[in-house]
Amino acid sequence: MQKRFTDIVNHFIGLGKTFDKEEPNIKVLKCLDKYWQLKVTAISETRDLTTLSTVVMFGKLREHKLEMNRFKEQENEERKVRSITLKIIALEKKAKPILARIVKLKH
Protein backbone atom coordinates (compact mmCIF):
# COMPACT_ATOMS: atom_id res chain seq x y z
CA MET A 1 0.00 0.00 0.00
CA GLN A 2 2.83 2.39 0.84
CA LYS A 3 4.59 1.89 -2.49
CA ARG A 4 1.40 2.43 -4.45
CA PHE A 5 0.53 5.56 -2.47
CA THR A 6 4.05 6.96 -2.89
CA ASP A 7 3.93 6.28 -6.65
CA ILE A 8 0.60 8.12 -6.96
CA VAL A 9 1.84 11.10 -4.92
CA ASN A 10 5.04 11.23 -6.96
CA HIS A 11 3.05 11.22 -10.21
CA PHE A 12 0.94 14.11 -8.94
CA ILE A 13 4.07 16.01 -7.94
CA GLY A 14 5.50 15.31 -11.39
CA LEU A 15 2.37 16.84 -12.90
CA GLY A 16 2.87 20.00 -10.86
CA LYS A 17 0.55 19.32 -7.91
CA THR A 18 1.86 20.60 -4.60
CA PHE A 19 0.92 19.13 -1.25
CA ASP A 20 1.06 20.63 2.23
CA LYS A 21 3.30 18.61 4.54
CA GLU A 22 0.40 16.94 6.34
CA GLU A 23 -1.92 16.51 3.33
CA PRO A 24 -0.66 13.07 2.18
CA ASN A 25 -0.85 11.77 5.77
CA ILE A 26 -4.37 13.08 6.23
CA LYS A 27 -5.47 11.47 2.97
CA VAL A 28 -4.11 8.08 4.03
CA LEU A 29 -5.65 8.26 7.49
CA LYS A 30 -9.05 9.29 6.11
CA CYS A 31 -9.23 6.37 3.68
CA LEU A 32 -8.71 3.70 6.35
CA ASP A 33 -11.74 1.71 7.53
CA LYS A 34 -13.12 1.12 11.05
CA TYR A 35 -10.57 -1.63 11.74
CA TRP A 36 -7.90 1.08 11.81
CA GLN A 37 -9.92 3.80 13.55
CA LEU A 38 -8.28 3.45 16.97
CA LYS A 39 -4.81 3.69 15.47
CA VAL A 40 -5.83 6.62 13.25
CA THR A 41 -7.09 8.48 16.32
CA ALA A 42 -3.92 7.70 18.25
CA ILE A 43 -1.67 8.88 15.42
CA SER A 44 -3.73 12.02 14.89
CA GLU A 45 -3.76 12.95 18.57
CA THR A 46 -0.20 12.10 19.54
CA ARG A 47 1.67 13.22 16.46
CA ASP A 48 1.89 16.50 14.61
CA LEU A 49 1.02 15.40 11.08
CA THR A 50 3.23 18.14 9.60
CA THR A 51 6.35 16.60 11.16
CA LEU A 52 5.33 12.97 10.71
CA SER A 53 6.76 11.48 7.54
CA THR A 54 4.63 9.10 5.49
CA VAL A 55 7.30 6.42 6.00
CA VAL A 56 6.96 6.65 9.78
CA MET A 57 3.16 6.72 9.53
CA PHE A 58 3.07 3.61 7.33
CA GLY A 59 5.51 1.97 9.76
CA LYS A 60 3.15 2.67 12.66
CA LEU A 61 0.22 1.27 10.67
CA ARG A 62 2.20 -1.84 9.73
CA GLU A 63 3.22 -2.28 13.36
CA HIS A 64 -0.43 -2.07 14.40
CA LYS A 65 -1.43 -4.66 11.81
CA LEU A 66 1.26 -7.09 13.00
CA GLU A 67 0.18 -6.59 16.61
CA MET A 68 -3.48 -7.20 15.75
CA ASN A 69 -2.53 -10.38 13.85
CA ARG A 70 -0.51 -11.56 16.85
CA PHE A 71 -3.48 -10.96 19.15
CA LYS A 72 -5.74 -12.82 16.75
CA GLU A 73 -3.39 -15.83 16.64
CA GLN A 74 -3.12 -15.82 20.42
CA GLU A 75 -6.91 -15.70 20.73
CA ASN A 76 -7.25 -18.63 18.30
CA GLU A 77 -4.76 -20.66 20.35
CA GLU A 78 -6.70 -19.91 23.53
CA ARG A 79 -9.92 -20.99 21.82
CA LYS A 80 -8.31 -24.28 20.78
CA VAL A 81 -7.13 -24.95 24.32
CA ARG A 82 -10.59 -24.12 25.73
CA SER A 83 -12.22 -26.35 23.14
CA ILE A 84 -9.94 -29.26 23.97
CA THR A 85 -10.51 -28.71 27.70
CA LEU A 86 -14.28 -28.70 27.22
CA LYS A 87 -14.08 -31.91 25.19
CA ILE A 88 -12.02 -33.59 27.92
CA ILE A 89 -14.47 -32.46 30.61
CA ALA A 90 -17.38 -33.79 28.55
CA LEU A 91 -15.61 -37.13 28.06
CA GLU A 92 -14.83 -37.37 31.77
CA LYS A 93 -18.47 -36.76 32.65
CA LYS A 94 -19.51 -39.51 30.25
CA ALA A 95 -16.80 -41.86 31.50
CA LYS A 96 -17.62 -41.58 35.24
CA PRO A 97 -20.95 -43.47 35.05
CA ILE A 98 -19.37 -46.13 32.87
CA LEU A 99 -16.46 -46.56 35.29
CA ALA A 100 -18.91 -46.75 38.20
CA ARG A 101 -20.77 -49.59 36.44
CA ILE A 102 -17.52 -51.43 35.76
CA VAL A 103 -16.52 -51.14 39.43
CA LYS A 104 -19.93 -52.48 40.53
CA LEU A 105 -19.62 -55.44 38.15
CA LYS A 106 -16.19 -56.34 39.53
CA HIS A 107 -17.49 -56.41 43.14
PDB file of N, CA and C in Angstrom:
ATOM      1  N   MET A   1       0.815  -1.173   0.000  1.00  0.00           N
ATOM      2  CA  MET A   1       0.000   0.000   0.000  1.00  0.00           C
ATOM      3  C   MET A   1       0.873   1.257   0.000  1.00  0.00           C
ATOM      4  N   GLN A   2       1.963   1.225   0.757  1.00  0.00           N
ATOM      5  CA  GLN A   2       2.835   2.387   0.841  1.00  0.00           C
ATOM      6  C   GLN A   2       3.472   2.693  -0.507  1.00  0.00           C
ATOM      7  N   LYS A   3       3.937   1.673  -1.189  1.00  0.00           N
ATOM      8  CA  LYS A   3       4.591   1.886  -2.488  1.00  0.00           C
ATOM      9  C   LYS A   3       3.605   2.473  -3.486  1.00  0.00           C
ATOM     10  N   ARG A   4       2.411   1.934  -3.522  1.00  0.00           N
ATOM     11  CA  ARG A   4       1.401   2.430  -4.448  1.00  0.00           C
ATOM     12  C   ARG A   4       1.051   3.882  -4.147  1.00  0.00           C
ATOM     13  N   PHE A   5       0.853   4.191  -2.868  1.00  0.00           N
ATOM     14  CA  PHE A   5       0.532   5.565  -2.471  1.00  0.00           C
ATOM     15  C   PHE A   5       1.657   6.518  -2.855  1.00  0.00           C
ATOM     16  N   THR A   6       2.894   6.120  -2.568  1.00  0.00           N
ATOM     17  CA  THR A   6       4.047   6.957  -2.891  1.00  0.00           C
ATOM     18  C   THR A   6       4.145   7.178  -4.394  1.00  0.00           C
ATOM     19  N   ASP A   7       3.902   6.135  -5.188  1.00  0.00           N
ATOM     20  CA  ASP A   7       3.926   6.285  -6.649  1.00  0.00           C
ATOM     21  C   ASP A   7       2.874   7.287  -7.124  1.00  0.00           C
ATOM     22  N   ILE A   8       1.673   7.198  -6.559  1.00  0.00           N
ATOM     23  CA  ILE A   8       0.601   8.115  -6.957  1.00  0.00           C
ATOM     24  C   ILE A   8       0.962   9.551  -6.588  1.00  0.00           C
ATOM     25  N   VAL A   9       1.449   9.749  -5.362  1.00  0.00           N
ATOM     26  CA  VAL A   9       1.837  11.098  -4.923  1.00  0.00           C
ATOM     27  C   VAL A   9       2.956  11.633  -5.807  1.00  0.00           C
ATOM     28  N   ASN A  10       3.936  10.797  -6.107  1.00  0.00           N
ATOM     29  CA  ASN A  10       5.045  11.233  -6.957  1.00  0.00           C
ATOM     30  C   ASN A  10       4.574  11.606  -8.364  1.00  0.00           C
ATOM     31  N   HIS A  11       3.598  10.872  -8.889  1.00  0.00           N
ATOM     32  CA  HIS A  11       3.051  11.224 -10.208  1.00  0.00           C
ATOM     33  C   HIS A  11       2.346  12.572 -10.158  1.00  0.00           C
ATOM     34  N   PHE A  12       1.592  12.809  -9.093  1.00  0.00           N
ATOM     35  CA  PHE A  12       0.939  14.115  -8.941  1.00  0.00           C
ATOM     36  C   PHE A  12       1.962  15.240  -8.841  1.00  0.00           C
ATOM     37  N   ILE A  13       3.016  15.008  -8.070  1.00  0.00           N
ATOM     38  CA  ILE A  13       4.069  16.014  -7.941  1.00  0.00           C
ATOM     39  C   ILE A  13       4.723  16.257  -9.291  1.00  0.00           C
ATOM     40  N   GLY A  14       4.938  15.186 -10.053  1.00  0.00           N
ATOM     41  CA  GLY A  14       5.501  15.311 -11.392  1.00  0.00           C
ATOM     42  C   GLY A  14       4.616  16.117 -12.331  1.00  0.00           C
ATOM     43  N   LEU A  15       3.310  16.080 -12.083  1.00  0.00           N
ATOM     44  CA  LEU A  15       2.373  16.844 -12.900  1.00  0.00           C
ATOM     45  C   LEU A  15       2.209  18.282 -12.403  1.00  0.00           C
ATOM     46  N   GLY A  16       2.918  18.628 -11.345  1.00  0.00           N
ATOM     47  CA  GLY A  16       2.869  20.003 -10.860  1.00  0.00           C
ATOM     48  C   GLY A  16       1.989  20.224  -9.646  1.00  0.00           C
ATOM     49  N   LYS A  17       1.391  19.197  -9.102  1.00  0.00           N
ATOM     50  CA  LYS A  17       0.548  19.324  -7.910  1.00  0.00           C
ATOM     51  C   LYS A  17       1.445  19.497  -6.691  1.00  0.00           C
ATOM     52  N   THR A  18       1.107  20.426  -5.845  1.00  0.00           N
ATOM     53  CA  THR A  18       1.862  20.603  -4.604  1.00  0.00           C
ATOM     54  C   THR A  18       0.983  20.187  -3.432  1.00  0.00           C
ATOM     55  N   PHE A  19       1.617  19.602  -2.446  1.00  0.00           N
ATOM     56  CA  PHE A  19       0.921  19.129  -1.250  1.00  0.00           C
ATOM     57  C   PHE A  19       1.476  19.854  -0.037  1.00  0.00           C
ATOM     58  N   ASP A  20       0.600  20.164   0.923  1.00  0.00           N
ATOM     59  CA  ASP A  20       1.064  20.626   2.229  1.00  0.00           C
ATOM     60  C   ASP A  20       1.755  19.442   2.887  1.00  0.00           C
ATOM     61  N   LYS A  21       2.554  19.708   3.910  1.00  0.00           N
ATOM     62  CA  LYS A  21       3.298  18.614   4.545  1.00  0.00           C
ATOM     63  C   LYS A  21       2.388  17.527   5.110  1.00  0.00           C
ATOM     64  N   GLU A  22       1.258  17.939   5.704  1.00  0.00           N
ATOM     65  CA  GLU A  22       0.396  16.936   6.338  1.00  0.00           C
ATOM     66  C   GLU A  22      -0.654  16.366   5.397  1.00  0.00           C
ATOM     67  N   GLU A  23      -0.844  16.940   4.229  1.00  0.00           N
ATOM     68  CA  GLU A  23      -1.923  16.512   3.333  1.00  0.00           C
ATOM     69  C   GLU A  23      -1.848  15.035   2.937  1.00  0.00           C
ATOM     70  N   PRO A  24      -0.697  14.508   2.510  1.00  0.00           N
ATOM     71  CA  PRO A  24      -0.662  13.067   2.183  1.00  0.00           C
ATOM     72  C   PRO A  24      -1.018  12.182   3.378  1.00  0.00           C
ATOM     73  N   ASN A  25      -0.538  12.553   4.574  1.00  0.00           N
ATOM     74  CA  ASN A  25      -0.847  11.767   5.774  1.00  0.00           C
ATOM     75  C   ASN A  25      -2.338  11.788   6.078  1.00  0.00           C
ATOM     76  N   ILE A  26      -2.936  12.959   5.970  1.00  0.00           N
ATOM     77  CA  ILE A  26      -4.369  13.083   6.233  1.00  0.00           C
ATOM     78  C   ILE A  26      -5.160  12.234   5.250  1.00  0.00           C
ATOM     79  N   LYS A  27      -4.754  12.259   3.987  1.00  0.00           N
ATOM     80  CA  LYS A  27      -5.467  11.471   2.968  1.00  0.00           C
ATOM     81  C   LYS A  27      -5.408   9.979   3.275  1.00  0.00           C
ATOM     82  N   VAL A  28      -4.253   9.504   3.689  1.00  0.00           N
ATOM     83  CA  VAL A  28      -4.114   8.081   4.025  1.00  0.00           C
ATOM     84  C   VAL A  28      -4.975   7.741   5.236  1.00  0.00           C
ATOM     85  N   LEU A  29      -4.893   8.549   6.268  1.00  0.00           N
ATOM     86  CA  LEU A  29      -5.649   8.257   7.490  1.00  0.00           C
ATOM     87  C   LEU A  29      -7.150   8.308   7.264  1.00  0.00           C
ATOM     88  N   LYS A  30      -7.610   9.189   6.388  1.00  0.00           N
ATOM     89  CA  LYS A  30      -9.047   9.293   6.111  1.00  0.00           C
ATOM     90  C   LYS A  30      -9.579   8.104   5.312  1.00  0.00           C
ATOM     91  N   CYS A  31      -8.736   7.463   4.533  1.00  0.00           N
ATOM     92  CA  CYS A  31      -9.225   6.374   3.682  1.00  0.00           C
ATOM     93  C   CYS A  31      -9.274   5.027   4.403  1.00  0.00           C
ATOM     94  N   LEU A  32      -8.727   4.964   5.613  1.00  0.00           N
ATOM     95  CA  LEU A  32      -8.713   3.695   6.347  1.00  0.00           C
ATOM     96  C   LEU A  32     -10.079   3.398   6.949  1.00  0.00           C
ATOM     97  N   ASP A  33     -10.420   2.105   7.017  1.00  0.00           N
ATOM     98  CA  ASP A  33     -11.744   1.707   7.526  1.00  0.00           C
ATOM     99  C   ASP A  33     -11.777   1.624   9.055  1.00  0.00           C
ATOM    100  N   LYS A  34     -12.896   1.156   9.602  1.00  0.00           N
ATOM    101  CA  LYS A  34     -13.119   1.120  11.051  1.00  0.00           C
ATOM    102  C   LYS A  34     -12.091   0.268  11.786  1.00  0.00           C
ATOM    103  N   TYR A  35     -11.580  -0.757  11.142  1.00  0.00           N
ATOM    104  CA  TYR A  35     -10.569  -1.630  11.744  1.00  0.00           C
ATOM    105  C   TYR A  35      -9.383  -0.806  12.244  1.00  0.00           C
ATOM    106  N   TRP A  36      -9.054   0.249  11.521  1.00  0.00           N
ATOM    107  CA  TRP A  36      -7.896   1.082  11.805  1.00  0.00           C
ATOM    108  C   TRP A  36      -8.235   2.307  12.653  1.00  0.00           C
ATOM    109  N   GLN A  37      -9.495   2.533  12.962  1.00  0.00           N
ATOM    110  CA  GLN A  37      -9.919   3.798  13.555  1.00  0.00           C
ATOM    111  C   GLN A  37      -9.198   4.140  14.856  1.00  0.00           C
ATOM    112  N   LEU A  38      -8.979   3.167  15.721  1.00  0.00           N
ATOM    113  CA  LEU A  38      -8.276   3.449  16.971  1.00  0.00           C
ATOM    114  C   LEU A  38      -6.850   3.924  16.717  1.00  0.00           C
ATOM    115  N   LYS A  39      -6.185   3.294  15.785  1.00  0.00           N
ATOM    116  CA  LYS A  39      -4.807   3.688  15.473  1.00  0.00           C
ATOM    117  C   LYS A  39      -4.783   5.050  14.802  1.00  0.00           C
ATOM    118  N   VAL A  40      -5.746   5.317  13.924  1.00  0.00           N
ATOM    119  CA  VAL A  40      -5.832   6.620  13.254  1.00  0.00           C
ATOM    120  C   VAL A  40      -5.994   7.715  14.299  1.00  0.00           C
ATOM    121  N   THR A  41      -6.868   7.492  15.255  1.00  0.00           N
ATOM    122  CA  THR A  41      -7.093   8.476  16.316  1.00  0.00           C
ATOM    123  C   THR A  41      -5.818   8.682  17.129  1.00  0.00           C
ATOM    124  N   ALA A  42      -5.151   7.599  17.465  1.00  0.00           N
ATOM    125  CA  ALA A  42      -3.920   7.696  18.251  1.00  0.00           C
ATOM    126  C   ALA A  42      -2.844   8.471  17.497  1.00  0.00           C
ATOM    127  N   ILE A  43      -2.675   8.170  16.225  1.00  0.00           N
ATOM    128  CA  ILE A  43      -1.672   8.880  15.424  1.00  0.00           C
ATOM    129  C   ILE A  43      -2.033  10.357  15.317  1.00  0.00           C
ATOM    130  N   SER A  44      -3.285  10.639  15.054  1.00  0.00           N
ATOM    131  CA  SER A  44      -3.727  12.020  14.886  1.00  0.00           C
ATOM    132  C   SER A  44      -3.551  12.834  16.165  1.00  0.00           C
ATOM    133  N   GLU A  45      -3.825  12.224  17.314  1.00  0.00           N
ATOM    134  CA  GLU A  45      -3.763  12.954  18.573  1.00  0.00           C
ATOM    135  C   GLU A  45      -2.355  13.073  19.137  1.00  0.00           C
ATOM    136  N   THR A  46      -1.520  12.079  18.920  1.00  0.00           N
ATOM    137  CA  THR A  46      -0.196  12.103  19.540  1.00  0.00           C
ATOM    138  C   THR A  46       0.890  12.693  18.651  1.00  0.00           C
ATOM    139  N   ARG A  47       0.644  12.747  17.388  1.00  0.00           N
ATOM    140  CA  ARG A  47       1.667  13.224  16.458  1.00  0.00           C
ATOM    141  C   ARG A  47       1.198  14.481  15.744  1.00  0.00           C
ATOM    142  N   ASP A  48       2.157  15.354  15.469  1.00  0.00           N
ATOM    143  CA  ASP A  48       1.886  16.495  14.611  1.00  0.00           C
ATOM    144  C   ASP A  48       2.056  15.996  13.179  1.00  0.00           C
ATOM    145  N   LEU A  49       0.979  15.983  12.429  1.00  0.00           N
ATOM    146  CA  LEU A  49       1.018  15.400  11.085  1.00  0.00           C
ATOM    147  C   LEU A  49       1.928  16.166  10.123  1.00  0.00           C
ATOM    148  N   THR A  50       2.301  17.393  10.467  1.00  0.00           N
ATOM    149  CA  THR A  50       3.226  18.137   9.600  1.00  0.00           C
ATOM    150  C   THR A  50       4.651  17.627   9.766  1.00  0.00           C
ATOM    151  N   THR A  51       4.987  17.097  10.940  1.00  0.00           N
ATOM    152  CA  THR A  51       6.350  16.603  11.159  1.00  0.00           C
ATOM    153  C   THR A  51       6.456  15.096  10.963  1.00  0.00           C
ATOM    154  N   LEU A  52       5.332  14.424  10.880  1.00  0.00           N
ATOM    155  CA  LEU A  52       5.327  12.971  10.705  1.00  0.00           C
ATOM    156  C   LEU A  52       5.511  12.629   9.223  1.00  0.00           C
ATOM    157  N   SER A  53       6.556  11.875   8.931  1.00  0.00           N
ATOM    158  CA  SER A  53       6.757  11.478   7.536  1.00  0.00           C
ATOM    159  C   SER A  53       5.818  10.332   7.189  1.00  0.00           C
ATOM    160  N   THR A  54       5.525  10.191   5.913  1.00  0.00           N
ATOM    161  CA  THR A  54       4.635   9.104   5.487  1.00  0.00           C
ATOM    162  C   THR A  54       5.281   7.752   5.775  1.00  0.00           C
ATOM    163  N   VAL A  55       6.599   7.685   5.718  1.00  0.00           N
ATOM    164  CA  VAL A  55       7.303   6.425   5.997  1.00  0.00           C
ATOM    165  C   VAL A  55       7.058   6.004   7.448  1.00  0.00           C
ATOM    166  N   VAL A  56       7.179   6.952   8.364  1.00  0.00           N
ATOM    167  CA  VAL A  56       6.955   6.649   9.779  1.00  0.00           C
ATOM    168  C   VAL A  56       5.493   6.272  10.005  1.00  0.00           C
ATOM    169  N   MET A  57       4.581   7.006   9.368  1.00  0.00           N
ATOM    170  CA  MET A  57       3.164   6.717   9.533  1.00  0.00           C
ATOM    171  C   MET A  57       2.827   5.313   9.037  1.00  0.00           C
ATOM    172  N   PHE A  58       3.325   4.960   7.847  1.00  0.00           N
ATOM    173  CA  PHE A  58       3.073   3.613   7.334  1.00  0.00           C
ATOM    174  C   PHE A  58       3.720   2.566   8.235  1.00  0.00           C
ATOM    175  N   GLY A  59       4.865   2.888   8.815  1.00  0.00           N
ATOM    176  CA  GLY A  59       5.510   1.973   9.757  1.00  0.00           C
ATOM    177  C   GLY A  59       4.645   1.735  10.980  1.00  0.00           C
ATOM    178  N   LYS A  60       4.054   2.806  11.504  1.00  0.00           N
ATOM    179  CA  LYS A  60       3.155   2.673  12.658  1.00  0.00           C
ATOM    180  C   LYS A  60       1.927   1.834  12.297  1.00  0.00           C
ATOM    181  N   LEU A  61       1.393   2.045  11.105  1.00  0.00           N
ATOM    182  CA  LEU A  61       0.224   1.267  10.674  1.00  0.00           C
ATOM    183  C   LEU A  61       0.584  -0.205  10.483  1.00  0.00           C
ATOM    184  N   ARG A  62       1.747  -0.459   9.919  1.00  0.00           N
ATOM    185  CA  ARG A  62       2.202  -1.836   9.726  1.00  0.00           C
ATOM    186  C   ARG A  62       2.421  -2.517  11.077  1.00  0.00           C
ATOM    187  N   GLU A  63       2.994  -1.777  12.004  1.00  0.00           N
ATOM    188  CA  GLU A  63       3.219  -2.285  13.356  1.00  0.00           C
ATOM    189  C   GLU A  63       1.891  -2.658  14.014  1.00  0.00           C
ATOM    190  N   HIS A  64       0.904  -1.808  13.845  1.00  0.00           N
ATOM    191  CA  HIS A  64      -0.429  -2.071  14.401  1.00  0.00           C
ATOM    192  C   HIS A  64      -1.029  -3.338  13.781  1.00  0.00           C
ATOM    193  N   LYS A  65      -0.879  -3.482  12.478  1.00  0.00           N
ATOM    194  CA  LYS A  65      -1.426  -4.660  11.806  1.00  0.00           C
ATOM    195  C   LYS A  65      -0.767  -5.938  12.323  1.00  0.00           C
ATOM    196  N   LEU A  66       0.548  -5.914  12.479  1.00  0.00           N
ATOM    197  CA  LEU A  66       1.255  -7.090  13.001  1.00  0.00           C
ATOM    198  C   LEU A  66       0.809  -7.409  14.418  1.00  0.00           C
ATOM    199  N   GLU A  67       0.628  -6.386  15.232  1.00  0.00           N
ATOM    200  CA  GLU A  67       0.179  -6.585  16.606  1.00  0.00           C
ATOM    201  C   GLU A  67      -1.227  -7.178  16.644  1.00  0.00           C
ATOM    202  N   MET A  68      -2.113  -6.675  15.797  1.00  0.00           N
ATOM    203  CA  MET A  68      -3.475  -7.198  15.754  1.00  0.00           C
ATOM    204  C   MET A  68      -3.480  -8.653  15.278  1.00  0.00           C
ATOM    205  N   ASN A  69      -2.635  -8.990  14.313  1.00  0.00           N
ATOM    206  CA  ASN A  69      -2.525 -10.380  13.852  1.00  0.00           C
ATOM    207  C   ASN A  69      -2.007 -11.288  14.962  1.00  0.00           C
ATOM    208  N   ARG A  70      -1.047 -10.774  15.744  1.00  0.00           N
ATOM    209  CA  ARG A  70      -0.506 -11.556  16.854  1.00  0.00           C
ATOM    210  C   ARG A  70      -1.591 -11.814  17.899  1.00  0.00           C
ATOM    211  N   PHE A  71      -2.384 -10.786  18.204  1.00  0.00           N
ATOM    212  CA  PHE A  71      -3.482 -10.962  19.153  1.00  0.00           C
ATOM    213  C   PHE A  71      -4.499 -11.970  18.636  1.00  0.00           C
ATOM    214  N   LYS A  72      -4.773 -11.910  17.344  1.00  0.00           N
ATOM    215  CA  LYS A  72      -5.741 -12.823  16.745  1.00  0.00           C
ATOM    216  C   LYS A  72      -5.248 -14.268  16.835  1.00  0.00           C
ATOM    217  N   GLU A  73      -3.962 -14.494  16.539  1.00  0.00           N
ATOM    218  CA  GLU A  73      -3.388 -15.832  16.640  1.00  0.00           C
ATOM    219  C   GLU A  73      -3.425 -16.334  18.079  1.00  0.00           C
ATOM    220  N   GLN A  74      -3.100 -15.458  19.007  1.00  0.00           N
ATOM    221  CA  GLN A  74      -3.118 -15.818  20.419  1.00  0.00           C
ATOM    222  C   GLN A  74      -4.536 -16.182  20.855  1.00  0.00           C
ATOM    223  N   GLU A  75      -5.512 -15.424  20.401  1.00  0.00           N
ATOM    224  CA  GLU A  75      -6.906 -15.703  20.734  1.00  0.00           C
ATOM    225  C   GLU A  75      -7.337 -17.048  20.154  1.00  0.00           C
ATOM    226  N   ASN A  76      -6.918 -17.341  18.925  1.00  0.00           N
ATOM    227  CA  ASN A  76      -7.252 -18.627  18.302  1.00  0.00           C
ATOM    228  C   ASN A  76      -6.641 -19.787  19.088  1.00  0.00           C
ATOM    229  N   GLU A  77      -5.407 -19.616  19.553  1.00  0.00           N
ATOM    230  CA  GLU A  77      -4.759 -20.661  20.347  1.00  0.00           C
ATOM    231  C   GLU A  77      -5.522 -20.889  21.648  1.00  0.00           C
ATOM    232  N   GLU A  78      -5.939 -19.780  22.283  1.00  0.00           N
ATOM    233  CA  GLU A  78      -6.697 -19.907  23.532  1.00  0.00           C
ATOM    234  C   GLU A  78      -8.027 -20.611  23.288  1.00  0.00           C
ATOM    235  N   ARG A  79      -8.663 -20.326  22.161  1.00  0.00           N
ATOM    236  CA  ARG A  79      -9.921 -20.994  21.822  1.00  0.00           C
ATOM    237  C   ARG A  79      -9.704 -22.490  21.636  1.00  0.00           C
ATOM    238  N   LYS A  80      -8.605 -22.863  20.983  1.00  0.00           N
ATOM    239  CA  LYS A  80      -8.314 -24.285  20.776  1.00  0.00           C
ATOM    240  C   LYS A  80      -8.126 -24.986  22.109  1.00  0.00           C
ATOM    241  N   VAL A  81      -7.381 -24.354  23.004  1.00  0.00           N
ATOM    242  CA  VAL A  81      -7.132 -24.947  24.321  1.00  0.00           C
ATOM    243  C   VAL A  81      -8.446 -25.094  25.077  1.00  0.00           C
ATOM    244  N   ARG A  82      -9.297 -24.042  25.048  1.00  0.00           N
ATOM    245  CA  ARG A  82     -10.592 -24.122  25.730  1.00  0.00           C
ATOM    246  C   ARG A  82     -11.458 -25.213  25.126  1.00  0.00           C
ATOM    247  N   SER A  83     -11.414 -25.338  23.813  1.00  0.00           N
ATOM    248  CA  SER A  83     -12.216 -26.354  23.138  1.00  0.00           C
ATOM    249  C   SER A  83     -11.770 -27.753  23.545  1.00  0.00           C
ATOM    250  N   ILE A  84     -10.471 -27.957  23.577  1.00  0.00           N
ATOM    251  CA  ILE A  84      -9.937 -29.264  23.974  1.00  0.00           C
ATOM    252  C   ILE A  84     -10.291 -29.548  25.429  1.00  0.00           C
ATOM    253  N   THR A  85     -10.173 -28.540  26.288  1.00  0.00           N
ATOM    254  CA  THR A  85     -10.515 -28.706  27.700  1.00  0.00           C
ATOM    255  C   THR A  85     -11.982 -29.081  27.868  1.00  0.00           C
ATOM    256  N   LEU A  86     -12.851 -28.392  27.133  1.00  0.00           N
ATOM    257  CA  LEU A  86     -14.277 -28.699  27.218  1.00  0.00           C
ATOM    258  C   LEU A  86     -14.565 -30.120  26.733  1.00  0.00           C
ATOM    259  N   LYS A  87     -13.878 -30.547  25.691  1.00  0.00           N
ATOM    260  CA  LYS A  87     -14.075 -31.912  25.194  1.00  0.00           C
ATOM    261  C   LYS A  87     -13.634 -32.935  26.237  1.00  0.00           C
ATOM    262  N   ILE A  88     -12.521 -32.669  26.898  1.00  0.00           N
ATOM    263  CA  ILE A  88     -12.021 -33.588  27.924  1.00  0.00           C
ATOM    264  C   ILE A  88     -13.000 -33.655  29.090  1.00  0.00           C
ATOM    265  N   ILE A  89     -13.498 -32.497  29.508  1.00  0.00           N
ATOM    266  CA  ILE A  89     -14.475 -32.463  30.609  1.00  0.00           C
ATOM    267  C   ILE A  89     -15.715 -33.242  30.229  1.00  0.00           C
ATOM    268  N   ALA A  90     -16.183 -33.065  29.009  1.00  0.00           N
ATOM    269  CA  ALA A  90     -17.380 -33.792  28.550  1.00  0.00           C
ATOM    270  C   ALA A  90     -17.124 -35.292  28.533  1.00  0.00           C
ATOM    271  N   LEU A  91     -15.946 -35.702  28.081  1.00  0.00           N
ATOM    272  CA  LEU A  91     -15.608 -37.126  28.062  1.00  0.00           C
ATOM    273  C   LEU A  91     -15.520 -37.688  29.472  1.00  0.00           C
ATOM    274  N   GLU A  92     -14.934 -36.909  30.386  1.00  0.00           N
ATOM    275  CA  GLU A  92     -14.833 -37.368  31.769  1.00  0.00           C
ATOM    276  C   GLU A  92     -16.213 -37.567  32.388  1.00  0.00           C
ATOM    277  N   LYS A  93     -17.121 -36.642  32.103  1.00  0.00           N
ATOM    278  CA  LYS A  93     -18.475 -36.761  32.645  1.00  0.00           C
ATOM    279  C   LYS A  93     -19.169 -38.010  32.112  1.00  0.00           C
ATOM    280  N   LYS A  94     -18.918 -38.311  30.834  1.00  0.00           N
ATOM    281  CA  LYS A  94     -19.513 -39.515  30.249  1.00  0.00           C
ATOM    282  C   LYS A  94     -18.849 -40.769  30.796  1.00  0.00           C
ATOM    283  N   ALA A  95     -17.554 -40.680  31.070  1.00  0.00           N
ATOM    284  CA  ALA A  95     -16.805 -41.856  31.502  1.00  0.00           C
ATOM    285  C   ALA A  95     -17.089 -42.235  32.949  1.00  0.00           C
ATOM    286  N   LYS A  96     -17.400 -41.289  33.828  1.00  0.00           N
ATOM    287  CA  LYS A  96     -17.620 -41.584  35.240  1.00  0.00           C
ATOM    288  C   LYS A  96     -18.731 -42.600  35.460  1.00  0.00           C
ATOM    289  N   PRO A  97     -19.914 -42.444  34.832  1.00  0.00           N
ATOM    290  CA  PRO A  97     -20.954 -43.468  35.046  1.00  0.00           C
ATOM    291  C   PRO A  97     -20.535 -44.844  34.522  1.00  0.00           C
ATOM    292  N   ILE A  98     -19.817 -44.856  33.430  1.00  0.00           N
ATOM    293  CA  ILE A  98     -19.366 -46.133  32.867  1.00  0.00           C
ATOM    294  C   ILE A  98     -18.370 -46.792  33.805  1.00  0.00           C
ATOM    295  N   LEU A  99     -17.427 -46.011  34.345  1.00  0.00           N
ATOM    296  CA  LEU A  99     -16.457 -46.560  35.294  1.00  0.00           C
ATOM    297  C   LEU A  99     -17.147 -47.057  36.564  1.00  0.00           C
ATOM    298  N   ALA A 100     -18.166 -46.319  36.998  1.00  0.00           N
ATOM    299  CA  ALA A 100     -18.908 -46.747  38.196  1.00  0.00           C
ATOM    300  C   ALA A 100     -19.573 -48.095  37.949  1.00  0.00           C
ATOM    301  N   ARG A 101     -20.135 -48.311  36.779  1.00  0.00           N
ATOM    302  CA  ARG A 101     -20.773 -49.593  36.444  1.00  0.00           C
ATOM    303  C   ARG A 101     -19.738 -50.709  36.401  1.00  0.00           C
ATOM    304  N   ILE A 102     -18.577 -50.411  35.848  1.00  0.00           N
ATOM    305  CA  ILE A 102     -17.518 -51.430  35.757  1.00  0.00           C
ATOM    306  C   ILE A 102     -17.077 -51.832  37.159  1.00  0.00           C
ATOM    307  N   VAL A 103     -16.924 -50.857  38.048  1.00  0.00           N
ATOM    308  CA  VAL A 103     -16.519 -51.145  39.427  1.00  0.00           C
ATOM    309  C   VAL A 103     -17.566 -51.999  40.125  1.00  0.00           C
ATOM    310  N   LYS A 104     -18.848 -51.703  39.923  1.00  0.00           N
ATOM    311  CA  LYS A 104     -19.932 -52.480  40.529  1.00  0.00           C
ATOM    312  C   LYS A 104     -19.913 -53.925  40.008  1.00  0.00           C
ATOM    313  N   LEU A 105     -19.648 -54.105  38.726  1.00  0.00           N
ATOM    314  CA  LEU A 105     -19.619 -55.436  38.148  1.00  0.00           C
ATOM    315  C   LEU A 105     -18.473 -56.270  38.714  1.00  0.00           C
ATOM    316  N   LYS A 106     -17.340 -55.640  38.998  1.00  0.00           N
ATOM    317  CA  LYS A 106     -16.193 -56.342  39.534  1.00  0.00           C
ATOM    318  C   LYS A 106     -16.430 -56.792  40.972  1.00  0.00           C
ATOM    319  N   HIS A 107     -17.250 -56.070  41.719  1.00  0.00           N
ATOM    320  CA  HIS A 107     -17.493 -56.411  43.144  1.00  0.00           C
ATOM    321  C   HIS A 107     -18.605 -57.332  43.245  1.00  0.00           C
TER     322      HIS A 107
END
